[in-house]
Structures are given as structure tokens and as C-alpha cells.
Amino acid sequence: MSDPPDPVPEGVRDLATRVFGMARDGDAASLADYVDAGVPVDLTNEHGDTLVMLAAYHGHAEAVSVLVARGADVDRLNDRGQSPIAGAVFKGEEAVVRALVAAGADVRAGHPTAVDTARMFEREDLLEILDP
């Protein structure tokens, strides 16, 4: 018995792989160009991670801001129920946390929440930003 055909064309998969790499690497200018050209700003990978999630987790505040300016959903949870802001707190990325708070991110979304994560890792500096 053969495997069913892949519903995603190879060219589309290659493009998505490149764009996810840009988010991980913080290539804000290229992300802006691709989203402006039609790549969905809330594109998700096989784990439900959005471009914002990947940029936030990898500490790229400028990339997060570029995506936010183009309408990215800052509260979209991945398949594990994690939010971009909780990922940024977990990684200790203050600039990203500030960018997401400024964009209106829900600091109590997901599990654990960004507030819970800051408390768990005793990040009082980030907790002050999240819950002044």
C-alpha cells in the first residue's frame, strides 16, 4: 500500500521552510517583504508555532514588531497551549516581552501563562513588565 499524496506542494513547503527560518533567525526585512507579498502573517508550522512565536522564542524583537505591524495574532497559542509572550519570558528576552506587551499580548494566555513563567523562573524584572 502506498502513502497518500502530500496535500502541500513541494514549492509551498520550501517557501514555508524559508519563512520559518527567517522568523527563527530574526530576518525582519525579509519577513516584511514576504508577508507584504502574500505569505500569511499567522502562518503556522506542524507544531502550531506562528512566525511571531518563532521570532519571540528566539529573541528577535524587531522581527516580532514587523509581524505585529502586519496584523499578526500575538495571542495565538501553539499546539502545546503556549503563547509567544510566555516563550519570550521563558527565554528571558526582555525586548521581545516589551514588544509583545506594547502590542497588547495577553500575559495570562496559555499554559503556563507568561506571568506564571516569570514567577516560576524568579524573573522579577520581567514580572514588573507583565504585571506592573
N, C-alpha and C. Protein backbone atom coordinates (compact mmCIF):
# COMPACT_ATOMS: atom_id res chain seq x y z
N MET A 1 0.84 -1.17 0.00
CA MET A 1 0.00 0.00 0.00
C MET A 1 0.89 1.24 0.00
N SER A 2 0.61 2.19 -0.85
CA SER A 2 1.44 3.39 -0.94
C SER A 2 0.90 4.48 -0.01
N ASP A 3 1.80 5.42 0.33
CA ASP A 3 1.41 6.55 1.17
C ASP A 3 0.50 7.46 0.38
N PRO A 4 -0.43 8.13 1.08
CA PRO A 4 -1.30 9.08 0.38
C PRO A 4 -0.47 10.26 -0.12
N PRO A 5 -0.91 10.90 -1.18
CA PRO A 5 -0.16 12.05 -1.69
C PRO A 5 -0.13 13.18 -0.65
N ASP A 6 0.98 13.91 -0.63
CA ASP A 6 1.14 15.04 0.29
C ASP A 6 0.26 16.18 -0.21
N PRO A 7 -0.62 16.72 0.64
CA PRO A 7 -1.52 17.79 0.20
C PRO A 7 -0.82 19.13 0.00
N VAL A 8 0.42 19.27 0.47
CA VAL A 8 1.14 20.53 0.34
C VAL A 8 2.17 20.40 -0.79
N PRO A 9 2.03 21.20 -1.84
CA PRO A 9 3.00 21.14 -2.93
C PRO A 9 4.42 21.46 -2.44
N GLU A 10 5.40 20.81 -3.06
CA GLU A 10 6.79 20.95 -2.62
C GLU A 10 7.26 22.41 -2.61
N GLY A 11 6.90 23.18 -3.61
CA GLY A 11 7.30 24.59 -3.67
C GLY A 11 6.75 25.39 -2.50
N VAL A 12 5.53 25.09 -2.11
CA VAL A 12 4.91 25.78 -0.98
C VAL A 12 5.63 25.40 0.31
N ARG A 13 5.95 24.12 0.45
CA ARG A 13 6.66 23.65 1.64
C ARG A 13 8.04 24.32 1.73
N ASP A 14 8.74 24.43 0.60
CA ASP A 14 10.05 25.07 0.59
C ASP A 14 9.96 26.54 0.99
N LEU A 15 8.95 27.23 0.46
CA LEU A 15 8.75 28.63 0.82
C LEU A 15 8.46 28.76 2.32
N ALA A 16 7.58 27.93 2.83
CA ALA A 16 7.25 27.99 4.26
C ALA A 16 8.49 27.72 5.12
N THR A 17 9.29 26.75 4.72
CA THR A 17 10.51 26.44 5.46
C THR A 17 11.43 27.66 5.51
N ARG A 18 11.57 28.35 4.38
CA ARG A 18 12.40 29.56 4.33
C ARG A 18 11.85 30.64 5.25
N VAL A 19 10.55 30.85 5.21
CA VAL A 19 9.94 31.92 6.00
C VAL A 19 10.05 31.59 7.50
N PHE A 20 9.83 30.35 7.88
CA PHE A 20 10.01 29.98 9.30
C PHE A 20 11.46 30.20 9.73
N GLY A 21 12.40 29.90 8.84
CA GLY A 21 13.81 30.16 9.13
C GLY A 21 14.09 31.64 9.34
N MET A 22 13.45 32.48 8.55
CA MET A 22 13.61 33.93 8.70
C MET A 22 13.12 34.38 10.08
N ALA A 23 12.01 33.81 10.53
CA ALA A 23 11.48 34.17 11.85
C ALA A 23 12.46 33.72 12.93
N ARG A 24 12.97 32.49 12.83
CA ARG A 24 13.93 31.99 13.82
C ARG A 24 15.22 32.80 13.83
N ASP A 25 15.63 33.26 12.65
CA ASP A 25 16.89 34.00 12.52
C ASP A 25 16.73 35.49 12.76
N GLY A 26 15.49 35.96 12.84
CA GLY A 26 15.25 37.38 13.07
C GLY A 26 15.44 38.26 11.85
N ASP A 27 15.23 37.72 10.68
CA ASP A 27 15.38 38.47 9.44
C ASP A 27 14.11 39.29 9.20
N ALA A 28 14.02 40.41 9.92
CA ALA A 28 12.81 41.22 9.91
C ALA A 28 12.49 41.78 8.52
N ALA A 29 13.50 42.24 7.81
CA ALA A 29 13.27 42.83 6.49
C ALA A 29 12.69 41.81 5.51
N SER A 30 13.26 40.62 5.51
CA SER A 30 12.75 39.58 4.60
C SER A 30 11.36 39.13 5.00
N LEU A 31 11.11 39.01 6.31
CA LEU A 31 9.77 38.65 6.77
C LEU A 31 8.76 39.68 6.28
N ALA A 32 9.09 40.96 6.43
CA ALA A 32 8.20 42.02 5.98
C ALA A 32 7.92 41.88 4.49
N ASP A 33 8.97 41.65 3.70
CA ASP A 33 8.79 41.51 2.25
C ASP A 33 7.88 40.33 1.91
N TYR A 34 8.11 39.20 2.54
CA TYR A 34 7.31 38.00 2.23
C TYR A 34 5.86 38.16 2.66
N VAL A 35 5.63 38.72 3.84
CA VAL A 35 4.26 38.93 4.30
C VAL A 35 3.58 39.96 3.40
N ASP A 36 4.29 41.02 3.07
CA ASP A 36 3.72 42.03 2.17
C ASP A 36 3.39 41.44 0.80
N ALA A 37 4.13 40.40 0.39
CA ALA A 37 3.90 39.76 -0.90
C ALA A 37 2.80 38.69 -0.85
N GLY A 38 2.27 38.42 0.35
CA GLY A 38 1.15 37.49 0.44
C GLY A 38 1.29 36.30 1.35
N VAL A 39 2.46 36.08 1.94
CA VAL A 39 2.58 34.98 2.91
C VAL A 39 1.72 35.33 4.11
N PRO A 40 0.87 34.42 4.56
CA PRO A 40 0.00 34.72 5.72
C PRO A 40 0.82 35.06 6.96
N VAL A 41 0.50 36.18 7.58
CA VAL A 41 1.26 36.63 8.75
C VAL A 41 1.13 35.65 9.92
N ASP A 42 0.04 34.89 9.96
CA ASP A 42 -0.17 33.91 11.04
C ASP A 42 0.08 32.48 10.56
N LEU A 43 0.94 32.33 9.57
CA LEU A 43 1.33 31.00 9.09
C LEU A 43 1.85 30.18 10.27
N THR A 44 1.44 28.91 10.33
CA THR A 44 1.90 28.05 11.42
C THR A 44 2.61 26.83 10.86
N ASN A 45 3.53 26.31 11.67
CA ASN A 45 4.25 25.09 11.29
C ASN A 45 3.51 23.87 11.82
N GLU A 46 4.12 22.71 11.71
CA GLU A 46 3.48 21.46 12.11
C GLU A 46 3.24 21.35 13.61
N HIS A 47 3.82 22.28 14.39
CA HIS A 47 3.61 22.29 15.85
C HIS A 47 2.66 23.41 16.27
N GLY A 48 2.12 24.12 15.30
CA GLY A 48 1.22 25.22 15.60
C GLY A 48 1.94 26.50 15.97
N ASP A 49 3.27 26.53 15.78
CA ASP A 49 4.03 27.75 16.07
C ASP A 49 3.86 28.74 14.93
N THR A 50 3.49 29.97 15.28
CA THR A 50 3.38 31.03 14.29
C THR A 50 4.75 31.67 14.07
N LEU A 51 4.82 32.52 13.08
CA LEU A 51 6.04 33.29 12.85
C LEU A 51 6.37 34.13 14.07
N VAL A 52 5.35 34.72 14.70
CA VAL A 52 5.59 35.52 15.91
C VAL A 52 6.15 34.63 17.02
N MET A 53 5.60 33.45 17.19
CA MET A 53 6.10 32.54 18.23
C MET A 53 7.58 32.24 18.01
N LEU A 54 7.95 31.92 16.79
CA LEU A 54 9.34 31.58 16.50
C LEU A 54 10.26 32.78 16.70
N ALA A 55 9.85 33.94 16.23
CA ALA A 55 10.67 35.14 16.40
C ALA A 55 10.79 35.50 17.88
N ALA A 56 9.70 35.38 18.62
CA ALA A 56 9.71 35.71 20.05
C ALA A 56 10.61 34.75 20.83
N TYR A 57 10.44 33.48 20.60
CA TYR A 57 11.20 32.46 21.32
C TYR A 57 12.70 32.58 21.07
N HIS A 58 13.05 33.03 19.87
CA HIS A 58 14.47 33.15 19.51
C HIS A 58 15.02 34.56 19.77
N GLY A 59 14.21 35.41 20.40
CA GLY A 59 14.71 36.70 20.88
C GLY A 59 14.83 37.80 19.86
N HIS A 60 13.96 37.83 18.88
CA HIS A 60 14.07 38.82 17.81
C HIS A 60 12.93 39.84 17.88
N ALA A 61 13.14 40.87 18.70
CA ALA A 61 12.11 41.89 18.93
C ALA A 61 11.75 42.63 17.65
N GLU A 62 12.73 42.94 16.81
CA GLU A 62 12.42 43.66 15.57
C GLU A 62 11.54 42.82 14.65
N ALA A 63 11.83 41.54 14.55
CA ALA A 63 11.00 40.65 13.72
C ALA A 63 9.59 40.57 14.29
N VAL A 64 9.48 40.47 15.61
CA VAL A 64 8.16 40.46 16.25
C VAL A 64 7.41 41.74 15.89
N SER A 65 8.07 42.88 16.01
CA SER A 65 7.42 44.16 15.72
C SER A 65 6.97 44.28 14.27
N VAL A 66 7.79 43.77 13.34
CA VAL A 66 7.43 43.78 11.92
C VAL A 66 6.17 42.95 11.69
N LEU A 67 6.11 41.81 12.32
CA LEU A 67 4.94 40.93 12.16
C LEU A 67 3.71 41.54 12.82
N VAL A 68 3.88 42.12 13.99
CA VAL A 68 2.77 42.78 14.68
C VAL A 68 2.21 43.91 13.82
N ALA A 69 3.10 44.69 13.23
CA ALA A 69 2.67 45.82 12.39
C ALA A 69 1.87 45.35 11.18
N ARG A 70 2.01 44.06 10.83
CA ARG A 70 1.30 43.50 9.70
C ARG A 70 0.10 42.65 10.13
N GLY A 71 -0.29 42.79 11.40
CA GLY A 71 -1.51 42.17 11.88
C GLY A 71 -1.39 40.80 12.52
N ALA A 72 -0.18 40.39 12.87
CA ALA A 72 -0.01 39.07 13.49
C ALA A 72 -0.79 38.97 14.80
N ASP A 73 -1.33 37.79 15.04
CA ASP A 73 -2.06 37.50 16.27
C ASP A 73 -1.04 37.17 17.36
N VAL A 74 -0.83 38.11 18.27
CA VAL A 74 0.18 37.93 19.32
C VAL A 74 -0.24 36.94 20.40
N ASP A 75 -1.50 36.54 20.39
CA ASP A 75 -2.00 35.62 21.42
C ASP A 75 -2.27 34.21 20.91
N ARG A 76 -1.95 33.95 19.68
CA ARG A 76 -2.22 32.62 19.12
C ARG A 76 -1.34 31.58 19.81
N LEU A 77 -1.99 30.58 20.37
CA LEU A 77 -1.29 29.52 21.09
C LEU A 77 -0.83 28.44 20.12
N ASN A 78 0.29 27.81 20.45
CA ASN A 78 0.74 26.68 19.63
C ASN A 78 0.00 25.42 20.09
N ASP A 79 0.36 24.29 19.51
CA ASP A 79 -0.34 23.04 19.81
C ASP A 79 -0.14 22.56 21.25
N ARG A 80 0.86 23.11 21.93
CA ARG A 80 1.10 22.76 23.34
C ARG A 80 0.43 23.76 24.28
N GLY A 81 -0.32 24.70 23.72
CA GLY A 81 -1.02 25.69 24.53
C GLY A 81 -0.13 26.81 25.04
N GLN A 82 1.00 27.04 24.37
CA GLN A 82 1.94 28.07 24.79
C GLN A 82 1.74 29.34 23.97
N SER A 83 1.92 30.49 24.61
CA SER A 83 1.79 31.77 23.92
C SER A 83 3.17 32.32 23.58
N PRO A 84 3.23 33.19 22.58
CA PRO A 84 4.52 33.81 22.24
C PRO A 84 5.15 34.55 23.41
N ILE A 85 4.34 35.26 24.19
CA ILE A 85 4.92 36.04 25.29
C ILE A 85 5.46 35.12 26.39
N ALA A 86 4.81 34.00 26.64
CA ALA A 86 5.34 33.06 27.63
C ALA A 86 6.66 32.47 27.14
N GLY A 87 6.78 32.22 25.84
CA GLY A 87 8.03 31.73 25.28
C GLY A 87 9.15 32.74 25.44
N ALA A 88 8.83 34.01 25.22
CA ALA A 88 9.83 35.07 25.38
C ALA A 88 10.26 35.20 26.84
N VAL A 89 9.32 35.06 27.76
CA VAL A 89 9.66 35.11 29.19
C VAL A 89 10.55 33.92 29.54
N PHE A 90 10.18 32.74 29.08
CA PHE A 90 10.96 31.54 29.36
C PHE A 90 12.41 31.72 28.91
N LYS A 91 12.60 32.34 27.74
CA LYS A 91 13.95 32.55 27.22
C LYS A 91 14.62 33.80 27.80
N GLY A 92 13.88 34.60 28.60
CA GLY A 92 14.46 35.80 29.21
C GLY A 92 14.69 36.93 28.23
N GLU A 93 13.85 37.03 27.23
CA GLU A 93 14.01 38.02 26.17
C GLU A 93 13.21 39.29 26.48
N GLU A 94 13.82 40.19 27.27
CA GLU A 94 13.13 41.39 27.73
C GLU A 94 12.61 42.26 26.59
N ALA A 95 13.41 42.50 25.57
CA ALA A 95 12.98 43.36 24.47
C ALA A 95 11.75 42.78 23.76
N VAL A 96 11.72 41.46 23.62
CA VAL A 96 10.57 40.81 22.98
C VAL A 96 9.36 40.91 23.90
N VAL A 97 9.55 40.69 25.19
CA VAL A 97 8.44 40.82 26.14
C VAL A 97 7.85 42.22 26.05
N ARG A 98 8.71 43.23 26.03
CA ARG A 98 8.22 44.62 25.93
C ARG A 98 7.46 44.84 24.62
N ALA A 99 7.98 44.31 23.52
CA ALA A 99 7.30 44.49 22.23
C ALA A 99 5.93 43.83 22.24
N LEU A 100 5.83 42.64 22.81
CA LEU A 100 4.55 41.93 22.85
C LEU A 100 3.56 42.60 23.81
N VAL A 101 4.04 43.09 24.94
CA VAL A 101 3.15 43.83 25.86
C VAL A 101 2.64 45.08 25.16
N ALA A 102 3.53 45.81 24.48
CA ALA A 102 3.12 47.01 23.75
C ALA A 102 2.08 46.70 22.68
N ALA A 103 2.15 45.48 22.12
CA ALA A 103 1.21 45.06 21.09
C ALA A 103 -0.10 44.53 21.67
N GLY A 104 -0.20 44.52 23.00
CA GLY A 104 -1.44 44.10 23.64
C GLY A 104 -1.53 42.61 23.92
N ALA A 105 -0.41 41.91 23.96
CA ALA A 105 -0.44 40.47 24.23
C ALA A 105 -1.06 40.20 25.59
N ASP A 106 -1.84 39.14 25.65
CA ASP A 106 -2.48 38.70 26.89
C ASP A 106 -1.45 37.94 27.73
N VAL A 107 -1.03 38.54 28.82
CA VAL A 107 0.02 37.94 29.66
C VAL A 107 -0.50 36.75 30.46
N ARG A 108 -1.81 36.51 30.38
CA ARG A 108 -2.39 35.37 31.09
C ARG A 108 -2.94 34.30 30.14
N ALA A 109 -2.55 34.40 28.88
CA ALA A 109 -2.99 33.41 27.89
C ALA A 109 -2.09 32.18 27.95
N GLY A 110 -2.66 31.04 27.64
CA GLY A 110 -1.88 29.81 27.53
C GLY A 110 -1.55 29.18 28.87
N HIS A 111 -0.75 28.11 28.76
CA HIS A 111 -0.35 27.39 29.98
C HIS A 111 1.07 26.87 29.80
N PRO A 112 1.98 27.24 30.65
CA PRO A 112 1.80 28.24 31.70
C PRO A 112 1.71 29.64 31.08
N THR A 113 1.10 30.54 31.80
CA THR A 113 0.99 31.91 31.32
C THR A 113 2.35 32.58 31.41
N ALA A 114 2.46 33.74 30.79
CA ALA A 114 3.71 34.50 30.88
C ALA A 114 3.98 34.91 32.33
N VAL A 115 2.92 35.30 33.03
CA VAL A 115 3.07 35.69 34.44
C VAL A 115 3.54 34.50 35.26
N ASP A 116 2.91 33.34 35.07
CA ASP A 116 3.33 32.13 35.80
C ASP A 116 4.77 31.75 35.48
N THR A 117 5.15 31.90 34.23
CA THR A 117 6.52 31.56 33.81
C THR A 117 7.52 32.49 34.49
N ALA A 118 7.22 33.77 34.52
CA ALA A 118 8.11 34.73 35.19
C ALA A 118 8.25 34.39 36.67
N ARG A 119 7.16 34.04 37.30
CA ARG A 119 7.22 33.65 38.72
C ARG A 119 8.02 32.37 38.92
N MET A 120 7.78 31.39 38.05
CA MET A 120 8.45 30.10 38.16
C MET A 120 9.97 30.24 38.07
N PHE A 121 10.43 31.13 37.19
CA PHE A 121 11.87 31.31 36.99
C PHE A 121 12.42 32.52 37.75
N GLU A 122 11.60 33.04 38.66
CA GLU A 122 12.01 34.16 39.52
C GLU A 122 12.54 35.33 38.72
N ARG A 123 11.83 35.67 37.67
CA ARG A 123 12.20 36.80 36.82
C ARG A 123 11.37 38.02 37.22
N GLU A 124 11.72 38.58 38.35
CA GLU A 124 11.01 39.76 38.86
C GLU A 124 11.08 40.91 37.86
N ASP A 125 12.21 41.04 37.15
CA ASP A 125 12.35 42.11 36.16
C ASP A 125 11.28 41.98 35.07
N LEU A 126 11.03 40.78 34.62
CA LEU A 126 10.02 40.57 33.59
C LEU A 126 8.61 40.63 34.17
N LEU A 127 8.46 40.17 35.39
CA LEU A 127 7.15 40.23 36.05
C LEU A 127 6.68 41.67 36.19
N GLU A 128 7.61 42.58 36.45
CA GLU A 128 7.24 44.00 36.55
C GLU A 128 6.71 44.54 35.22
N ILE A 129 7.22 44.02 34.11
CA ILE A 129 6.74 44.43 32.80
C ILE A 129 5.36 43.83 32.52
N LEU A 130 5.20 42.58 32.94
CA LEU A 130 3.96 41.83 32.66
C LEU A 130 2.82 42.24 33.57
N ASP A 131 3.12 42.50 34.82
CA ASP A 131 2.08 42.73 35.84
C ASP A 131 2.51 43.87 36.75
N PRO A 132 2.54 45.11 36.18
CA PRO A 132 3.05 46.24 36.96
C PRO A 132 2.21 46.55 38.19
